[in-house]
Amino acid sequence: MNSDDLPDNVIPLFSTDAQAEKRQQMIETWEALYLRHGQTLTDVKTAASLRVAMQMVELLLNGAQDCDVISDEQRDQLLAIAQTGHEAADEWQR
């Protein structure tokens, strides 16, 4: 039986969280991109550099919102995507 066969009022205990899977894929994509350039997020300095880059992206997005280039909602959505950079740096340092 798969999750498609369950009645509407049943919540599977071990269901997959599609959003969590996509975030994990994005985190893995960060590392794959770095590997393609001969680097790795397992390196402390490389991970720290990614965190700095993500801080700059956050500043740019906040500035764009402050100047009415993008809306609050657009900024928040883009910040959520950029957050995966921080998560990738953290993930590969474990």
N, C-alpha and C. Protein backbone atom coordinates (compact mmCIF):
# COMPACT_ATOMS: atom_id res chain seq x y z
N MET A 1 0.85 -1.17 0.00
CA MET A 1 0.00 0.00 0.00
C MET A 1 0.90 1.24 0.00
N ASN A 2 0.62 2.17 -0.87
CA ASN A 2 1.38 3.42 -0.85
C ASN A 2 0.51 4.55 -0.33
N SER A 3 1.08 5.74 -0.20
CA SER A 3 0.34 6.86 0.40
C SER A 3 -0.86 7.27 -0.44
N ASP A 4 -0.87 6.96 -1.73
CA ASP A 4 -2.02 7.29 -2.58
C ASP A 4 -3.23 6.43 -2.27
N ASP A 5 -3.01 5.26 -1.64
CA ASP A 5 -4.08 4.34 -1.32
C ASP A 5 -4.75 4.64 0.02
N LEU A 6 -4.17 5.55 0.81
CA LEU A 6 -4.69 5.82 2.15
C LEU A 6 -5.94 6.70 2.09
N PRO A 7 -6.88 6.48 3.01
CA PRO A 7 -8.04 7.35 3.11
C PRO A 7 -7.60 8.78 3.43
N ASP A 8 -8.43 9.76 3.11
CA ASP A 8 -8.08 11.16 3.32
C ASP A 8 -7.83 11.53 4.78
N ASN A 9 -8.42 10.79 5.71
CA ASN A 9 -8.30 11.14 7.13
C ASN A 9 -7.13 10.46 7.81
N VAL A 10 -6.23 9.81 7.05
CA VAL A 10 -5.08 9.11 7.62
C VAL A 10 -3.81 9.90 7.29
N ILE A 11 -3.01 10.14 8.33
CA ILE A 11 -1.73 10.81 8.14
C ILE A 11 -0.65 9.75 8.32
N PRO A 12 0.09 9.45 7.25
CA PRO A 12 1.14 8.43 7.39
C PRO A 12 2.24 8.89 8.33
N LEU A 13 2.71 8.00 9.18
CA LEU A 13 3.75 8.34 10.14
C LEU A 13 5.08 8.62 9.47
N PHE A 14 5.36 7.96 8.39
CA PHE A 14 6.66 8.09 7.74
C PHE A 14 6.52 8.69 6.34
N SER A 15 5.66 9.68 6.22
CA SER A 15 5.47 10.30 4.91
C SER A 15 6.68 11.15 4.56
N THR A 16 6.86 11.35 3.28
CA THR A 16 7.98 12.19 2.85
C THR A 16 7.51 13.63 2.79
N ASP A 17 8.39 14.51 3.17
CA ASP A 17 8.12 15.94 3.11
C ASP A 17 8.75 16.45 1.83
N ALA A 18 7.92 16.71 0.83
CA ALA A 18 8.44 17.12 -0.48
C ALA A 18 9.31 18.37 -0.38
N GLN A 19 8.92 19.31 0.47
CA GLN A 19 9.70 20.53 0.62
C GLN A 19 11.07 20.23 1.24
N ALA A 20 11.11 19.35 2.22
CA ALA A 20 12.38 18.97 2.84
C ALA A 20 13.28 18.28 1.83
N GLU A 21 12.70 17.45 0.98
CA GLU A 21 13.48 16.78 -0.05
C GLU A 21 14.07 17.78 -1.04
N LYS A 22 13.28 18.78 -1.42
CA LYS A 22 13.77 19.80 -2.35
C LYS A 22 14.90 20.61 -1.71
N ARG A 23 14.76 20.95 -0.43
CA ARG A 23 15.83 21.68 0.26
C ARG A 23 17.11 20.85 0.29
N GLN A 24 16.97 19.55 0.56
CA GLN A 24 18.14 18.68 0.58
C GLN A 24 18.79 18.61 -0.79
N GLN A 25 17.97 18.56 -1.83
CA GLN A 25 18.50 18.55 -3.19
C GLN A 25 19.26 19.84 -3.48
N MET A 26 18.74 20.97 -3.00
CA MET A 26 19.41 22.25 -3.21
C MET A 26 20.75 22.27 -2.46
N ILE A 27 20.77 21.74 -1.25
CA ILE A 27 22.00 21.68 -0.46
C ILE A 27 23.04 20.82 -1.20
N GLU A 28 22.60 19.71 -1.75
CA GLU A 28 23.51 18.85 -2.50
C GLU A 28 23.98 19.52 -3.80
N THR A 29 23.12 20.33 -4.39
CA THR A 29 23.49 21.06 -5.60
C THR A 29 24.58 22.09 -5.30
N TRP A 30 24.50 22.74 -4.13
CA TRP A 30 25.56 23.68 -3.74
C TRP A 30 26.90 22.95 -3.75
N GLU A 31 26.97 21.80 -3.11
CA GLU A 31 28.23 21.07 -3.03
C GLU A 31 28.67 20.62 -4.41
N ALA A 32 27.75 20.15 -5.22
CA ALA A 32 28.09 19.71 -6.58
C ALA A 32 28.69 20.86 -7.39
N LEU A 33 28.14 22.04 -7.24
CA LEU A 33 28.67 23.20 -7.95
C LEU A 33 30.09 23.53 -7.50
N TYR A 34 30.30 23.50 -6.20
CA TYR A 34 31.65 23.75 -5.68
C TYR A 34 32.62 22.68 -6.16
N LEU A 35 32.21 21.42 -6.15
CA LEU A 35 33.06 20.34 -6.62
C LEU A 35 33.44 20.53 -8.09
N ARG A 36 32.49 21.02 -8.87
CA ARG A 36 32.75 21.26 -10.28
C ARG A 36 33.86 22.31 -10.47
N HIS A 37 34.03 23.16 -9.47
CA HIS A 37 35.06 24.20 -9.53
C HIS A 37 36.29 23.84 -8.69
N GLY A 38 36.41 22.56 -8.34
CA GLY A 38 37.58 22.08 -7.63
C GLY A 38 37.63 22.48 -6.16
N GLN A 39 36.46 22.79 -5.60
CA GLN A 39 36.36 23.16 -4.19
C GLN A 39 35.34 22.26 -3.51
N THR A 40 35.26 22.37 -2.19
CA THR A 40 34.27 21.60 -1.44
C THR A 40 33.84 22.39 -0.20
N LEU A 41 32.59 22.23 0.14
CA LEU A 41 32.06 22.89 1.34
C LEU A 41 32.48 22.17 2.61
N THR A 42 33.18 21.05 2.49
CA THR A 42 33.74 20.42 3.67
C THR A 42 34.97 21.19 4.16
N ASP A 43 35.51 22.05 3.31
CA ASP A 43 36.63 22.92 3.69
C ASP A 43 36.07 24.11 4.48
N VAL A 44 36.63 24.36 5.65
CA VAL A 44 36.13 25.40 6.56
C VAL A 44 36.13 26.76 5.88
N LYS A 45 37.22 27.09 5.19
CA LYS A 45 37.31 28.42 4.56
C LYS A 45 36.31 28.56 3.41
N THR A 46 36.10 27.52 2.67
CA THR A 46 35.14 27.56 1.57
C THR A 46 33.73 27.74 2.10
N ALA A 47 33.39 27.00 3.15
CA ALA A 47 32.05 27.13 3.76
C ALA A 47 31.86 28.54 4.33
N ALA A 48 32.90 29.08 4.96
CA ALA A 48 32.82 30.43 5.51
C ALA A 48 32.62 31.45 4.40
N SER A 49 33.29 31.24 3.27
CA SER A 49 33.15 32.14 2.13
C SER A 49 31.71 32.11 1.59
N LEU A 50 31.12 30.92 1.55
CA LEU A 50 29.72 30.81 1.10
C LEU A 50 28.80 31.58 2.04
N ARG A 51 29.05 31.49 3.34
CA ARG A 51 28.23 32.23 4.30
C ARG A 51 28.32 33.74 4.06
N VAL A 52 29.53 34.22 3.78
CA VAL A 52 29.71 35.65 3.49
C VAL A 52 28.95 36.03 2.22
N ALA A 53 29.05 35.20 1.20
CA ALA A 53 28.34 35.47 -0.05
C ALA A 53 26.83 35.52 0.18
N MET A 54 26.33 34.62 1.02
CA MET A 54 24.89 34.61 1.29
C MET A 54 24.47 35.85 2.09
N GLN A 55 25.34 36.33 2.96
CA GLN A 55 25.04 37.58 3.69
C GLN A 55 24.93 38.73 2.70
N MET A 56 25.79 38.74 1.69
CA MET A 56 25.73 39.79 0.68
C MET A 56 24.43 39.70 -0.12
N VAL A 57 24.04 38.49 -0.48
CA VAL A 57 22.77 38.30 -1.19
C VAL A 57 21.62 38.84 -0.34
N GLU A 58 21.64 38.54 0.96
CA GLU A 58 20.59 39.04 1.86
C GLU A 58 20.56 40.57 1.88
N LEU A 59 21.74 41.19 1.95
CA LEU A 59 21.81 42.66 1.92
C LEU A 59 21.25 43.21 0.61
N LEU A 60 21.59 42.57 -0.50
CA LEU A 60 21.08 43.02 -1.79
C LEU A 60 19.56 42.89 -1.87
N LEU A 61 19.05 41.78 -1.39
CA LEU A 61 17.59 41.58 -1.43
C LEU A 61 16.88 42.57 -0.52
N ASN A 62 17.42 42.81 0.67
CA ASN A 62 16.82 43.79 1.57
C ASN A 62 16.87 45.19 0.96
N GLY A 63 17.97 45.52 0.30
CA GLY A 63 18.08 46.81 -0.37
C GLY A 63 17.09 46.95 -1.51
N ALA A 64 16.94 45.88 -2.27
CA ALA A 64 15.97 45.90 -3.37
C ALA A 64 14.55 46.10 -2.84
N GLN A 65 14.25 45.47 -1.72
CA GLN A 65 12.92 45.64 -1.11
C GLN A 65 12.77 47.06 -0.57
N ASP A 66 13.80 47.58 0.08
CA ASP A 66 13.74 48.95 0.61
C ASP A 66 13.55 49.99 -0.48
N CYS A 67 14.08 49.71 -1.67
CA CYS A 67 13.97 50.65 -2.80
C CYS A 67 12.76 50.34 -3.68
N ASP A 68 11.88 49.48 -3.20
CA ASP A 68 10.65 49.10 -3.92
C ASP A 68 10.91 48.46 -5.27
N VAL A 69 12.05 47.78 -5.40
CA VAL A 69 12.33 47.03 -6.62
C VAL A 69 11.61 45.69 -6.57
N ILE A 70 11.54 45.12 -5.37
CA ILE A 70 10.78 43.89 -5.15
C ILE A 70 9.89 44.08 -3.92
N SER A 71 8.85 43.27 -3.84
CA SER A 71 7.92 43.37 -2.72
C SER A 71 8.46 42.62 -1.51
N ASP A 72 7.82 42.83 -0.36
CA ASP A 72 8.18 42.08 0.84
C ASP A 72 8.07 40.57 0.59
N GLU A 73 7.00 40.18 -0.07
CA GLU A 73 6.76 38.76 -0.32
C GLU A 73 7.85 38.19 -1.24
N GLN A 74 8.20 38.93 -2.28
CA GLN A 74 9.26 38.47 -3.18
C GLN A 74 10.59 38.35 -2.44
N ARG A 75 10.90 39.35 -1.62
CA ARG A 75 12.14 39.30 -0.85
C ARG A 75 12.16 38.07 0.06
N ASP A 76 11.05 37.85 0.75
CA ASP A 76 10.99 36.71 1.67
C ASP A 76 11.16 35.38 0.94
N GLN A 77 10.56 35.26 -0.24
CA GLN A 77 10.70 34.03 -1.02
C GLN A 77 12.15 33.84 -1.47
N LEU A 78 12.77 34.91 -1.92
CA LEU A 78 14.16 34.83 -2.37
C LEU A 78 15.11 34.58 -1.20
N LEU A 79 14.82 35.18 -0.05
CA LEU A 79 15.64 34.92 1.14
C LEU A 79 15.56 33.46 1.56
N ALA A 80 14.38 32.88 1.43
CA ALA A 80 14.21 31.46 1.78
C ALA A 80 15.06 30.58 0.87
N ILE A 81 15.13 30.94 -0.39
CA ILE A 81 15.97 30.18 -1.32
C ILE A 81 17.44 30.38 -0.98
N ALA A 82 17.82 31.63 -0.73
CA ALA A 82 19.22 31.93 -0.39
C ALA A 82 19.63 31.25 0.91
N GLN A 83 18.70 31.02 1.80
CA GLN A 83 18.99 30.37 3.07
C GLN A 83 19.61 28.99 2.87
N THR A 84 19.31 28.37 1.73
CA THR A 84 19.90 27.05 1.48
C THR A 84 21.42 27.14 1.37
N GLY A 85 21.95 28.29 1.01
CA GLY A 85 23.40 28.45 0.98
C GLY A 85 23.99 28.32 2.37
N HIS A 86 23.34 28.97 3.34
CA HIS A 86 23.78 28.84 4.74
C HIS A 86 23.65 27.38 5.20
N GLU A 87 22.53 26.77 4.85
CA GLU A 87 22.30 25.39 5.24
C GLU A 87 23.32 24.45 4.62
N ALA A 88 23.69 24.72 3.37
CA ALA A 88 24.70 23.89 2.70
C ALA A 88 26.03 24.01 3.39
N ALA A 89 26.41 25.25 3.74
CA ALA A 89 27.69 25.45 4.44
C ALA A 89 27.68 24.69 5.76
N ASP A 90 26.57 24.74 6.47
CA ASP A 90 26.47 24.03 7.75
C ASP A 90 26.46 22.52 7.55
N GLU A 91 25.71 22.05 6.56
CA GLU A 91 25.56 20.60 6.32
C GLU A 91 26.90 19.94 6.04
N TRP A 92 27.71 20.56 5.22
CA TRP A 92 28.95 19.92 4.80
C TRP A 92 30.05 20.10 5.82
N GLN A 93 29.79 20.86 6.89
CA GLN A 93 30.76 21.01 7.97
C GLN A 93 30.52 19.99 9.08
N ARG A 94 29.46 19.23 9.02
CA ARG A 94 29.14 18.24 10.05
C ARG A 94 30.00 17.03 9.94
